[in-house]
N, C-alpha and C. Protein backbone atom coordinates (compact mmCIF):
# COMPACT_ATOMS: atom_id res chain seq x y z
N MET A 1 1.20 50.52 128.41
CA MET A 1 1.40 51.65 129.42
C MET A 1 1.86 52.73 128.86
N LEU A 2 3.08 52.43 128.05
CA LEU A 2 3.82 53.41 127.20
C LEU A 2 2.97 54.20 126.32
N PHE A 3 2.08 53.35 125.68
CA PHE A 3 1.14 54.08 124.69
C PHE A 3 0.14 54.75 125.33
N ALA A 4 -0.56 54.31 126.49
CA ALA A 4 -1.83 54.56 127.04
C ALA A 4 -1.39 56.06 127.54
N GLU A 5 -0.38 56.28 128.34
CA GLU A 5 -0.08 57.55 128.99
C GLU A 5 0.19 58.71 128.04
N GLN A 6 0.47 58.40 126.73
CA GLN A 6 0.32 59.56 125.79
C GLN A 6 -1.05 59.88 125.27
N VAL A 7 -2.15 59.18 125.70
CA VAL A 7 -3.46 59.57 125.21
C VAL A 7 -3.88 60.76 126.36
N PRO A 8 -4.53 61.71 125.87
CA PRO A 8 -5.05 62.87 126.82
C PRO A 8 -6.08 62.31 127.59
N GLY A 9 -5.83 62.66 128.94
CA GLY A 9 -6.77 62.35 129.97
C GLY A 9 -6.25 60.92 130.79
N VAL A 10 -5.43 60.34 130.03
CA VAL A 10 -4.80 58.92 130.69
C VAL A 10 -3.88 59.16 131.48
N SER A 11 -3.67 58.45 132.74
CA SER A 11 -2.68 58.84 133.65
C SER A 11 -2.29 57.47 134.22
N VAL A 12 -1.07 57.40 134.38
CA VAL A 12 -0.43 56.01 134.90
C VAL A 12 -0.20 56.31 136.50
N PRO A 13 -0.67 55.58 137.42
CA PRO A 13 -0.27 55.71 138.70
C PRO A 13 1.19 55.39 139.08
N LEU A 14 1.69 56.34 139.67
CA LEU A 14 3.13 56.38 139.94
C LEU A 14 3.73 55.01 140.52
N PHE A 15 2.89 54.40 141.42
CA PHE A 15 3.46 53.07 141.77
C PHE A 15 3.65 51.98 140.73
N VAL A 16 2.93 52.20 139.78
CA VAL A 16 3.20 51.14 138.65
C VAL A 16 4.55 51.35 138.25
N LYS A 17 4.97 52.27 137.99
CA LYS A 17 6.40 52.70 137.50
C LYS A 17 7.51 52.23 138.48
N ASP A 18 7.05 52.57 139.79
CA ASP A 18 7.95 52.12 140.96
C ASP A 18 8.15 50.74 140.95
N GLU A 19 7.02 50.00 140.81
CA GLU A 19 7.19 48.48 140.82
C GLU A 19 7.87 47.89 139.76
N LEU A 20 7.70 48.56 138.70
CA LEU A 20 8.32 47.79 137.50
C LEU A 20 9.68 48.05 137.53
N ARG A 21 10.31 49.06 138.36
CA ARG A 21 11.84 49.51 138.42
C ARG A 21 12.27 48.32 139.24
N TYR A 22 11.69 47.78 140.12
CA TYR A 22 12.16 46.57 141.01
C TYR A 22 12.23 45.28 140.04
N TRP A 23 11.38 45.14 139.17
CA TRP A 23 11.38 44.16 138.12
C TRP A 23 12.68 44.36 137.17
N ILE A 24 12.85 45.58 136.77
CA ILE A 24 14.10 45.80 135.87
C ILE A 24 15.23 45.52 136.56
N ASP A 25 15.32 45.88 137.95
CA ASP A 25 16.60 45.50 138.68
C ASP A 25 16.87 44.03 138.75
N TYR A 26 15.79 43.43 138.95
CA TYR A 26 15.72 41.81 139.08
C TYR A 26 16.03 41.07 137.79
N ILE A 27 15.22 41.55 136.58
CA ILE A 27 15.36 40.49 135.43
C ILE A 27 16.62 40.74 134.71
N GLN A 28 17.18 41.71 134.69
CA GLN A 28 18.60 41.95 133.86
C GLN A 28 19.59 41.06 134.26
N CYS A 29 20.20 40.32 133.38
CA CYS A 29 21.49 39.70 133.88
C CYS A 29 22.79 40.58 133.93
N SER A 30 23.38 40.44 134.90
CA SER A 30 24.59 41.32 135.22
C SER A 30 25.88 41.09 134.49
N SER A 31 25.83 39.90 134.06
CA SER A 31 27.06 39.38 133.50
C SER A 31 27.02 39.68 131.89
N ASN A 32 25.98 39.89 131.41
CA ASN A 32 26.00 40.22 129.84
C ASN A 32 25.17 41.34 129.32
N GLY A 33 24.04 41.75 130.43
CA GLY A 33 23.28 42.92 129.98
C GLY A 33 21.79 42.52 129.58
N GLY A 34 21.68 41.30 129.18
CA GLY A 34 20.51 40.73 128.58
C GLY A 34 19.29 40.58 129.43
N SER A 35 18.05 40.30 129.23
CA SER A 35 17.17 40.26 129.97
C SER A 35 16.56 38.69 129.93
N GLY A 36 16.41 38.20 131.12
CA GLY A 36 15.67 36.95 131.32
C GLY A 36 14.19 36.97 131.27
N TYR A 37 13.40 35.87 131.48
CA TYR A 37 12.01 35.69 131.37
C TYR A 37 11.57 35.76 132.78
N ASP A 38 11.77 34.85 133.54
CA ASP A 38 11.32 34.77 134.89
C ASP A 38 12.61 34.58 135.85
N SER A 39 13.76 34.56 135.32
CA SER A 39 14.98 34.62 136.14
C SER A 39 16.11 35.40 135.52
N PRO A 40 16.78 36.09 136.05
CA PRO A 40 17.84 37.09 135.50
C PRO A 40 18.72 36.46 134.19
N CYS A 41 19.27 35.39 134.48
CA CYS A 41 20.24 34.84 133.61
C CYS A 41 19.87 33.53 132.97
N GLY A 42 18.59 33.34 132.80
CA GLY A 42 18.07 32.22 131.98
C GLY A 42 17.19 31.42 132.85
N GLY A 43 17.65 30.05 133.00
CA GLY A 43 16.94 28.95 133.59
C GLY A 43 16.12 28.46 132.67
N GLY A 44 14.83 28.40 132.58
CA GLY A 44 14.00 27.68 131.69
C GLY A 44 13.87 28.35 130.52
N ALA A 45 14.01 29.56 130.37
CA ALA A 45 14.03 30.61 129.24
C ALA A 45 15.02 31.37 129.18
N PRO A 46 16.15 31.05 128.40
CA PRO A 46 17.35 31.83 128.33
C PRO A 46 17.12 33.32 127.87
N VAL A 47 18.27 34.03 128.38
CA VAL A 47 18.34 35.56 128.07
C VAL A 47 18.05 35.55 126.29
N SER A 48 17.60 36.56 125.94
CA SER A 48 17.38 36.69 124.28
C SER A 48 17.30 37.97 123.88
N GLU A 49 17.25 38.18 122.73
CA GLU A 49 17.20 39.66 122.01
C GLU A 49 16.00 40.23 122.38
N SER A 50 14.94 39.27 122.03
CA SER A 50 13.51 39.93 122.24
C SER A 50 13.16 40.45 123.58
N LYS A 51 13.64 39.68 124.59
CA LYS A 51 13.44 40.06 126.03
C LYS A 51 14.23 41.26 126.22
N THR A 52 15.36 41.41 125.55
CA THR A 52 16.00 42.48 126.06
C THR A 52 15.57 43.80 125.37
N GLY A 53 14.90 43.65 124.18
CA GLY A 53 14.25 44.74 123.68
C GLY A 53 13.22 45.14 124.58
N GLY A 54 12.34 44.31 125.04
CA GLY A 54 11.36 44.60 125.89
C GLY A 54 11.71 45.28 127.36
N LEU A 55 13.09 44.81 127.67
CA LEU A 55 13.60 45.53 128.79
C LEU A 55 13.76 47.06 128.56
N LEU A 56 14.23 47.38 127.35
CA LEU A 56 14.38 48.78 127.12
C LEU A 56 13.02 49.44 126.92
N VAL A 57 12.15 48.94 126.56
CA VAL A 57 11.04 49.62 126.54
C VAL A 57 10.42 49.75 127.99
N GLU A 58 10.55 48.95 128.79
CA GLU A 58 10.28 48.99 130.31
C GLU A 58 11.18 50.37 130.67
N MET A 59 12.35 50.32 130.55
CA MET A 59 13.30 51.50 130.76
C MET A 59 12.70 53.02 130.30
N ALA A 60 12.17 52.78 129.18
CA ALA A 60 11.71 54.07 128.33
C ALA A 60 10.24 54.43 129.23
N PHE A 61 9.53 53.53 129.45
CA PHE A 61 8.32 53.85 130.16
C PHE A 61 8.54 54.36 131.55
N THR A 62 9.48 53.86 132.15
CA THR A 62 9.62 54.16 133.63
C THR A 62 10.65 55.49 133.97
N GLY A 63 11.38 55.71 132.91
CA GLY A 63 12.35 56.78 132.90
C GLY A 63 13.62 56.13 133.82
N TYR A 64 13.73 54.81 133.83
CA TYR A 64 14.78 54.50 134.84
C TYR A 64 15.79 53.50 133.91
N ASN A 65 17.00 53.70 134.04
CA ASN A 65 17.90 53.09 133.32
C ASN A 65 18.51 51.91 133.94
N GLY A 66 18.24 51.41 135.02
CA GLY A 66 18.73 50.35 135.82
C GLY A 66 20.01 51.10 136.63
N SER A 67 20.55 50.01 137.35
CA SER A 67 21.92 50.42 138.37
C SER A 67 22.78 49.49 138.38
N SER A 68 23.89 50.00 137.97
CA SER A 68 25.12 49.20 137.81
C SER A 68 26.15 49.61 138.77
N SER A 69 26.73 48.63 139.47
CA SER A 69 27.68 48.79 140.64
C SER A 69 28.91 48.97 140.00
N GLY A 70 29.37 49.03 138.77
CA GLY A 70 30.68 49.21 138.11
C GLY A 70 30.80 48.59 136.87
N ALA A 71 31.99 48.70 136.36
CA ALA A 71 32.22 48.40 134.88
C ALA A 71 31.95 46.90 134.62
N ALA A 72 32.03 45.79 135.61
CA ALA A 72 31.63 44.51 135.20
C ALA A 72 30.35 44.17 135.48
N ASP A 73 29.63 45.00 135.99
CA ASP A 73 27.98 44.71 136.27
C ASP A 73 27.31 45.52 135.12
N LEU A 74 26.71 44.68 134.26
CA LEU A 74 25.89 45.28 133.07
C LEU A 74 24.49 45.43 133.34
N SER A 75 24.13 45.66 134.59
CA SER A 75 22.68 45.85 135.00
C SER A 75 22.08 47.27 134.73
N ASP A 76 22.21 47.51 133.49
CA ASP A 76 21.71 48.95 133.19
C ASP A 76 21.40 49.13 131.65
N LYS A 77 20.80 50.46 131.21
CA LYS A 77 20.63 50.48 129.73
C LYS A 77 21.89 50.26 128.87
N VAL A 78 23.03 50.76 129.36
CA VAL A 78 24.25 50.59 128.55
C VAL A 78 24.54 49.02 128.42
N GLY A 79 24.25 48.33 129.56
CA GLY A 79 24.67 47.07 129.55
C GLY A 79 23.55 46.27 128.48
N ALA A 80 22.23 46.69 128.24
CA ALA A 80 21.28 46.05 127.63
C ALA A 80 21.59 46.31 126.12
N LEU A 81 22.07 47.59 125.76
CA LEU A 81 22.66 47.92 124.50
C LEU A 81 23.79 47.24 124.13
N ALA A 82 24.76 46.99 125.07
CA ALA A 82 25.95 46.13 124.61
C ALA A 82 25.53 44.73 124.43
N TYR A 83 24.53 44.25 125.04
CA TYR A 83 24.14 42.82 124.66
C TYR A 83 23.57 42.68 123.45
N LEU A 84 22.65 43.85 123.11
CA LEU A 84 22.00 43.71 121.66
C LEU A 84 23.19 43.76 120.54
N ASP A 85 24.05 44.55 120.79
CA ASP A 85 25.16 45.00 119.79
C ASP A 85 26.00 43.73 119.71
N ALA A 86 26.24 43.04 120.87
CA ALA A 86 27.06 41.57 120.50
C ALA A 86 26.46 40.67 119.94
N ASN A 87 24.97 40.60 119.85
CA ASN A 87 24.17 39.62 119.45
C ASN A 87 23.40 40.18 117.91
N TRP A 88 23.71 41.18 117.60
CA TRP A 88 23.05 41.90 116.60
C TRP A 88 22.93 40.89 115.33
N GLN A 89 23.92 40.38 114.94
CA GLN A 89 23.98 39.50 113.63
C GLN A 89 23.28 38.15 113.72
N ASN A 90 22.91 37.64 115.03
CA ASN A 90 22.42 36.47 115.12
C ASN A 90 21.07 36.25 114.42
N GLY A 91 21.11 35.05 113.55
CA GLY A 91 19.96 34.59 112.91
C GLY A 91 18.74 34.09 113.82
N PRO A 92 17.84 33.65 113.23
CA PRO A 92 16.63 32.97 114.04
C PRO A 92 16.87 31.69 114.49
N ASN A 93 16.35 31.56 115.89
CA ASN A 93 16.73 30.36 116.61
C ASN A 93 15.50 30.18 117.48
N GLY A 94 14.57 29.69 117.23
CA GLY A 94 13.39 29.53 118.06
C GLY A 94 12.87 30.92 118.47
N TRP A 95 12.89 31.15 119.70
CA TRP A 95 12.47 32.26 120.31
C TRP A 95 13.52 33.41 120.56
N ASN A 96 14.66 32.80 120.16
CA ASN A 96 16.12 33.54 120.29
C ASN A 96 16.51 34.21 118.81
N GLY A 97 17.47 35.17 118.79
CA GLY A 97 18.06 35.51 117.48
C GLY A 97 17.50 36.83 117.16
N ASN A 98 17.99 37.36 116.22
CA ASN A 98 17.57 38.82 115.91
C ASN A 98 17.29 38.92 114.29
N MET A 99 18.20 38.91 113.41
CA MET A 99 17.82 39.05 111.90
C MET A 99 17.03 38.11 111.41
N GLY A 100 15.86 38.30 111.02
CA GLY A 100 15.14 37.29 110.31
C GLY A 100 14.05 36.67 111.57
N GLN A 101 14.32 37.13 112.82
CA GLN A 101 13.33 36.45 113.66
C GLN A 101 12.24 37.68 114.07
N PRO A 102 10.95 37.64 113.43
CA PRO A 102 10.08 38.85 113.20
C PRO A 102 9.80 39.26 114.83
N TYR A 103 9.57 38.28 115.70
CA TYR A 103 9.09 38.75 116.90
C TYR A 103 10.16 39.59 117.58
N ALA A 104 11.68 39.22 117.47
CA ALA A 104 12.74 39.82 118.07
C ALA A 104 12.86 41.19 117.42
N MET A 105 12.79 41.18 115.96
CA MET A 105 13.15 42.31 115.49
C MET A 105 12.22 43.48 115.90
N TRP A 106 10.78 43.08 116.08
CA TRP A 106 9.86 44.22 116.28
C TRP A 106 10.10 44.69 117.89
N SER A 107 10.47 43.65 118.67
CA SER A 107 10.68 43.95 120.17
C SER A 107 11.90 44.92 120.08
N VAL A 108 12.87 44.45 119.45
CA VAL A 108 14.18 45.17 119.46
C VAL A 108 14.23 46.55 118.87
N TYR A 109 13.15 46.56 117.83
CA TYR A 109 13.10 48.14 117.25
C TYR A 109 12.36 48.75 118.19
N LYS A 110 11.22 48.40 118.92
CA LYS A 110 10.58 49.23 120.01
C LYS A 110 11.55 49.67 121.06
N GLY A 111 12.27 48.63 121.33
CA GLY A 111 13.37 49.16 122.64
C GLY A 111 14.08 50.09 122.10
N LEU A 112 14.82 50.19 120.95
CA LEU A 112 15.70 50.96 120.50
C LEU A 112 15.29 52.38 120.17
N GLU A 113 14.19 52.26 119.46
CA GLU A 113 13.38 53.70 119.06
C GLU A 113 12.95 54.33 120.16
N SER A 114 12.54 53.75 121.25
CA SER A 114 12.16 54.48 122.31
C SER A 114 13.04 54.81 123.25
N THR A 115 14.54 54.31 123.08
CA THR A 115 15.50 54.73 124.02
C THR A 115 16.76 55.54 123.45
N ILE A 116 17.06 55.16 122.26
CA ILE A 116 18.06 55.78 121.56
C ILE A 116 17.81 56.55 120.32
N GLY A 117 16.58 56.35 119.83
CA GLY A 117 16.19 56.87 118.69
C GLY A 117 16.70 56.20 117.34
N LEU A 118 16.38 56.49 116.34
CA LEU A 118 16.45 55.85 115.09
C LEU A 118 17.98 55.95 114.71
N THR A 119 18.75 57.02 115.01
CA THR A 119 20.08 57.31 114.60
C THR A 119 20.98 57.17 115.71
N GLY A 120 20.68 56.45 116.78
CA GLY A 120 21.52 56.22 117.94
C GLY A 120 22.82 55.35 117.32
N SER A 121 23.98 55.67 117.97
CA SER A 121 25.19 55.01 117.50
C SER A 121 25.59 54.05 118.43
N GLN A 122 25.04 53.45 119.12
CA GLN A 122 25.25 52.47 120.26
C GLN A 122 25.56 51.01 119.73
N ILE A 123 24.91 50.79 118.45
CA ILE A 123 25.01 49.76 117.76
C ILE A 123 25.90 49.79 116.82
N THR A 124 26.88 48.91 116.65
CA THR A 124 27.89 49.19 115.72
C THR A 124 28.48 47.73 115.06
N ASN A 125 27.85 46.55 115.73
CA ASN A 125 28.04 45.57 115.14
C ASN A 125 27.14 45.03 113.90
N PHE A 126 27.22 45.76 112.70
CA PHE A 126 26.21 45.65 111.79
C PHE A 126 26.26 44.52 111.00
N PHE A 127 25.10 44.09 110.37
CA PHE A 127 24.75 42.88 109.65
C PHE A 127 25.48 43.33 108.32
N TYR A 128 25.36 44.58 107.83
CA TYR A 128 25.88 45.02 106.60
C TYR A 128 27.10 45.90 106.77
N THR A 129 28.14 45.83 106.01
CA THR A 129 29.23 46.65 106.11
C THR A 129 29.82 46.88 104.95
N GLY A 130 30.67 48.09 104.87
CA GLY A 130 31.31 48.42 103.74
C GLY A 130 30.45 48.73 102.52
N ALA A 131 30.79 48.15 101.34
CA ALA A 131 30.03 48.50 100.13
C ALA A 131 28.83 47.68 100.36
N ASN A 132 28.41 46.89 101.13
CA ASN A 132 26.97 46.12 101.23
C ASN A 132 26.00 47.21 101.95
N GLN A 133 26.38 48.38 102.21
CA GLN A 133 25.52 49.29 102.91
C GLN A 133 24.88 50.11 101.70
N ILE A 134 23.79 50.11 101.50
CA ILE A 134 23.09 50.86 100.53
C ILE A 134 22.87 52.30 100.90
N LYS A 135 23.66 53.30 100.56
CA LYS A 135 23.40 54.74 100.90
C LYS A 135 23.15 55.74 99.77
N ASP A 136 22.18 56.61 99.84
CA ASP A 136 21.89 57.51 99.12
C ASP A 136 23.10 58.69 99.01
N ASP A 137 23.52 58.84 100.35
CA ASP A 137 24.73 59.82 100.72
C ASP A 137 25.68 59.17 101.07
N PRO A 138 27.05 58.95 100.32
CA PRO A 138 28.06 58.31 100.87
C PRO A 138 28.63 58.62 102.18
N ASN A 139 28.27 59.69 102.46
CA ASN A 139 28.83 60.43 103.80
C ASN A 139 28.09 60.13 105.07
N ASP A 140 26.77 59.27 104.83
CA ASP A 140 25.78 58.90 105.69
C ASP A 140 26.56 57.93 106.70
N ILE A 141 26.50 58.28 108.17
CA ILE A 141 26.86 57.15 109.12
C ILE A 141 25.93 56.32 109.40
N TRP A 142 26.27 54.92 108.85
CA TRP A 142 25.14 53.68 109.01
C TRP A 142 24.70 53.64 110.51
N ASN A 143 23.59 53.30 110.73
CA ASN A 143 22.89 53.09 111.90
C ASN A 143 22.11 51.98 111.91
N TRP A 144 21.68 51.52 113.39
CA TRP A 144 20.92 50.14 113.24
C TRP A 144 19.79 50.17 112.65
N TRP A 145 18.89 51.27 112.50
CA TRP A 145 17.77 51.35 111.76
C TRP A 145 17.92 51.07 110.33
N GLU A 146 19.06 51.64 109.78
CA GLU A 146 19.30 51.52 108.30
C GLU A 146 19.74 49.89 108.12
N ASP A 147 20.29 49.51 109.02
CA ASP A 147 20.80 48.11 108.96
C ASP A 147 19.58 47.08 108.98
N TYR A 148 18.62 47.38 109.87
CA TYR A 148 17.32 46.52 109.87
C TYR A 148 16.68 46.84 108.50
N SER A 149 16.52 48.03 108.12
CA SER A 149 15.74 48.34 106.93
C SER A 149 16.16 47.62 105.59
N GLN A 150 17.55 47.61 105.62
CA GLN A 150 18.20 47.19 104.48
C GLN A 150 18.02 45.65 104.48
N TYR A 151 17.96 44.83 105.61
CA TYR A 151 17.71 43.42 105.89
C TYR A 151 16.37 43.11 105.33
N LEU A 152 15.46 43.94 106.00
CA LEU A 152 13.91 43.52 105.70
C LEU A 152 13.72 43.70 104.07
N VAL A 153 14.12 44.79 103.54
CA VAL A 153 13.91 44.73 102.04
C VAL A 153 14.50 43.61 101.18
N ASN A 154 15.98 43.38 101.59
CA ASN A 154 16.69 42.26 101.08
C ASN A 154 15.86 40.93 101.13
N SER A 155 15.08 40.67 102.32
CA SER A 155 14.47 39.39 102.71
C SER A 155 13.07 39.41 102.27
N GLN A 156 12.62 40.48 101.65
CA GLN A 156 11.27 40.58 101.19
C GLN A 156 10.79 39.68 100.08
N ASN A 157 9.70 39.08 100.16
CA ASN A 157 9.28 38.14 99.10
C ASN A 157 9.05 38.88 97.83
N ALA A 158 9.85 38.73 96.81
CA ALA A 158 9.61 39.27 95.45
C ALA A 158 8.12 39.23 94.96
N GLY A 159 7.58 37.97 94.97
CA GLY A 159 6.37 37.83 94.33
C GLY A 159 5.06 38.88 94.75
N ASP A 160 5.07 39.01 96.19
CA ASP A 160 3.86 39.60 96.70
C ASP A 160 4.02 40.83 97.60
N GLY A 161 5.65 40.88 97.98
CA GLY A 161 5.93 41.96 98.78
C GLY A 161 5.79 41.70 100.32
N SER A 162 5.42 40.39 100.52
CA SER A 162 5.22 39.86 102.28
C SER A 162 6.56 39.61 102.62
N TRP A 163 6.51 39.13 103.83
CA TRP A 163 7.71 38.53 104.51
C TRP A 163 7.43 37.07 104.89
N PRO A 164 8.34 35.96 104.88
CA PRO A 164 7.93 34.81 104.98
C PRO A 164 7.31 34.42 106.41
N GLY A 165 7.65 35.15 107.42
CA GLY A 165 7.32 34.65 108.70
C GLY A 165 8.26 33.80 109.23
N TYR A 166 8.19 33.38 110.51
CA TYR A 166 9.09 32.29 111.19
C TYR A 166 8.46 31.74 112.54
N TYR A 167 8.33 30.54 112.71
CA TYR A 167 8.16 29.90 113.85
C TYR A 167 6.43 30.19 114.20
N TYR A 168 6.45 30.83 115.50
CA TYR A 168 4.96 31.16 115.78
C TYR A 168 4.42 32.46 115.22
N TRP A 169 5.27 33.03 114.35
CA TRP A 169 4.75 34.29 113.79
C TRP A 169 4.65 34.42 112.21
N PRO A 170 3.41 33.89 111.87
CA PRO A 170 3.34 33.75 110.21
C PRO A 170 3.50 34.92 109.41
N GLN A 171 3.28 34.91 108.19
CA GLN A 171 3.60 35.84 107.13
C GLN A 171 2.80 37.08 107.51
N ASP A 172 1.53 37.05 107.66
CA ASP A 172 0.67 38.29 107.81
C ASP A 172 1.26 39.12 108.94
N LEU A 173 1.44 38.57 110.23
CA LEU A 173 2.05 39.03 111.45
C LEU A 173 3.43 39.74 111.20
N ALA A 174 4.18 38.85 110.59
CA ALA A 174 5.73 39.35 110.34
C ALA A 174 5.73 40.37 109.41
N THR A 175 4.61 40.54 108.35
CA THR A 175 4.72 41.52 107.35
C THR A 175 4.17 42.90 107.90
N ALA A 176 3.21 42.76 108.88
CA ALA A 176 2.65 44.02 109.48
C ALA A 176 3.80 44.53 110.47
N TRP A 177 4.59 43.95 111.21
CA TRP A 177 5.50 44.24 111.93
C TRP A 177 6.61 44.87 111.10
N ASN A 178 7.07 44.35 110.17
CA ASN A 178 8.13 44.82 109.20
C ASN A 178 7.81 46.14 108.74
N ILE A 179 6.75 46.30 108.18
CA ILE A 179 6.06 47.51 107.79
C ILE A 179 6.34 48.57 108.80
N ASN A 180 5.95 48.42 110.06
CA ASN A 180 6.10 49.18 110.95
C ASN A 180 7.40 49.70 111.36
N ILE A 181 8.26 48.74 111.12
CA ILE A 181 9.76 48.99 111.31
C ILE A 181 10.32 49.94 110.44
N LEU A 182 10.10 49.58 109.08
CA LEU A 182 10.39 50.39 107.87
C LEU A 182 9.79 51.85 107.88
N ASN A 183 8.55 51.74 108.39
CA ASN A 183 7.89 53.09 108.45
C ASN A 183 8.33 54.05 109.49
N ALA A 184 9.41 53.69 110.32
CA ALA A 184 9.98 54.37 111.46
C ALA A 184 8.73 54.85 112.43
N THR A 185 7.88 53.67 112.90
CA THR A 185 6.71 53.96 113.60
C THR A 185 7.28 54.42 115.19
N GLN A 186 6.66 55.41 115.45
CA GLN A 186 7.07 56.08 116.79
C GLN A 186 6.43 55.30 118.06
N VAL A 187 7.16 54.82 118.78
CA VAL A 187 6.79 53.87 119.97
C VAL A 187 6.19 54.68 120.89
N GLY A 188 6.91 55.67 121.39
CA GLY A 188 6.70 56.41 122.56
C GLY A 188 7.39 58.07 122.56
N PRO A 189 7.28 58.67 123.49
CA PRO A 189 8.07 60.06 123.46
C PRO A 189 9.56 59.88 122.94
N GLY A 190 10.24 58.95 123.70
CA GLY A 190 11.53 58.69 123.29
C GLY A 190 12.53 60.14 122.88
N PRO A 191 13.58 59.83 122.48
CA PRO A 191 14.73 61.00 122.22
C PRO A 191 14.30 61.65 121.09
N ASP A 192 13.53 61.15 120.19
CA ASP A 192 13.32 61.66 118.95
C ASP A 192 11.61 62.01 118.91
N PRO A 193 11.20 63.06 119.41
CA PRO A 193 9.86 63.27 119.48
C PRO A 193 9.23 63.56 118.05
N ASN A 194 9.87 63.95 116.97
CA ASN A 194 9.56 63.96 115.74
C ASN A 194 10.60 63.20 114.71
N PRO A 195 10.62 61.88 114.77
CA PRO A 195 11.60 60.95 114.18
C PRO A 195 11.43 61.33 112.55
N THR A 196 12.47 61.68 111.88
CA THR A 196 12.52 61.70 110.32
C THR A 196 13.50 60.77 109.68
N PRO A 197 12.74 59.83 109.03
CA PRO A 197 13.84 58.74 108.27
C PRO A 197 14.81 59.20 107.49
N GLU A 198 16.04 58.77 107.38
CA GLU A 198 16.92 59.06 106.50
C GLU A 198 16.56 58.78 105.21
N PRO A 199 16.92 59.60 104.09
CA PRO A 199 16.67 59.41 102.70
C PRO A 199 16.76 58.02 102.25
N ALA A 200 17.90 57.60 102.44
CA ALA A 200 18.43 56.32 102.29
C ALA A 200 17.36 55.21 102.54
N THR A 201 16.77 55.25 103.81
CA THR A 201 15.84 54.29 104.30
C THR A 201 14.48 54.48 103.93
N LEU A 202 14.23 55.78 103.54
CA LEU A 202 12.90 56.16 102.69
C LEU A 202 12.87 55.34 101.45
N SER A 203 13.97 55.40 100.77
CA SER A 203 14.08 54.70 99.52
C SER A 203 13.71 53.03 99.73
N LEU A 204 14.22 52.45 100.80
CA LEU A 204 13.98 51.16 101.04
C LEU A 204 12.74 50.92 101.26
N LEU A 205 11.85 51.83 102.02
CA LEU A 205 10.54 51.66 102.36
C LEU A 205 9.77 51.64 101.00
N GLY A 206 10.14 52.56 100.20
CA GLY A 206 9.35 52.74 98.81
C GLY A 206 9.54 51.36 98.12
N LEU A 207 10.72 50.77 98.24
CA LEU A 207 10.75 49.47 97.54
C LEU A 207 9.82 48.57 97.99
N ALA A 208 9.64 48.50 99.37
CA ALA A 208 8.85 47.52 100.20
C ALA A 208 7.44 47.65 99.75
N LEU A 209 6.89 49.04 99.80
CA LEU A 209 5.63 49.39 99.51
C LEU A 209 5.23 48.84 97.94
N ILE A 210 6.02 49.22 97.24
CA ILE A 210 5.78 48.95 95.91
C ILE A 210 5.51 47.28 95.76
N GLY A 211 6.34 46.45 96.45
CA GLY A 211 5.95 45.07 96.41
C GLY A 211 4.59 44.65 96.96
N LEU A 212 4.14 45.59 98.01
CA LEU A 212 2.96 45.27 98.75
C LEU A 212 1.87 45.63 97.94
N ALA A 213 2.10 46.68 97.18
CA ALA A 213 0.80 47.35 96.18
C ALA A 213 0.63 46.44 95.13
N GLY A 214 1.92 45.71 94.48
CA GLY A 214 1.53 44.66 93.44
C GLY A 214 0.81 43.66 93.86
N SER A 215 1.08 43.12 95.15
CA SER A 215 0.42 41.92 95.81
C SER A 215 -1.21 42.39 95.97
N LEU A 216 -1.43 43.63 96.37
CA LEU A 216 -2.72 43.77 96.65
C LEU A 216 -3.73 43.84 95.34
N ARG A 217 -2.80 44.50 94.21
CA ARG A 217 -3.69 44.68 92.89
C ARG A 217 -3.92 42.97 92.29
N ARG A 218 -2.94 42.30 92.58
CA ARG A 218 -3.13 40.82 92.19
C ARG A 218 -4.20 40.06 92.67
N LYS A 219 -4.23 40.48 94.16
CA LYS A 219 -5.37 39.77 95.01
C LYS A 219 -6.84 40.29 94.67
N THR A 220 -6.87 41.66 94.26
CA THR A 220 -8.25 42.25 94.03
C THR A 220 -8.54 42.04 92.68
N ALA A 221 -7.76 41.58 91.87
CA ALA A 221 -8.10 41.44 90.18
C ALA A 221 -9.08 40.60 90.04
């Protein structure tokens, strides 16, 4: 729906967003800000990074940021961002995790790009810190998208430029998603109507595409 309503002539009935607001209020776990699957704080499918990315997309689509009753109630966009920040460095663990979990990284990317933009400062628990952050400009303020981009380039297969995939998400699917992340693909109207990648991340994208180009040449030779 977020994509469809950007097509000229396509409209989304207001009741669709109204009903989705009820779901947003229901499915977000008030104790940690994450999103459940069929119940707020877990049950058969626990709260996870990928579901919380989806929750942020829902918030972007409806223009509704949830409703918190106070500091201890994380039932809003601020709470969802806090959950992702706290779990940012988590590795893949089945359906859960963030770094190296293709499904989660794509979901989280869409959620963050559509709500806080590429340069939002709400994520600070970075995977890379200090001298491990690759910057063209030493004065650059590191952000979540640069952290993602550097991780993807560092984990790319040197031989053919692909990514290895994980669990239910094989190599080809992971590679397609990861290139979209590196390319700063615009998910919706969001806070950055004309997002412009930072020079440092453009350099990382160039490295990734060089690897893929080499793979294509070998396959067609």
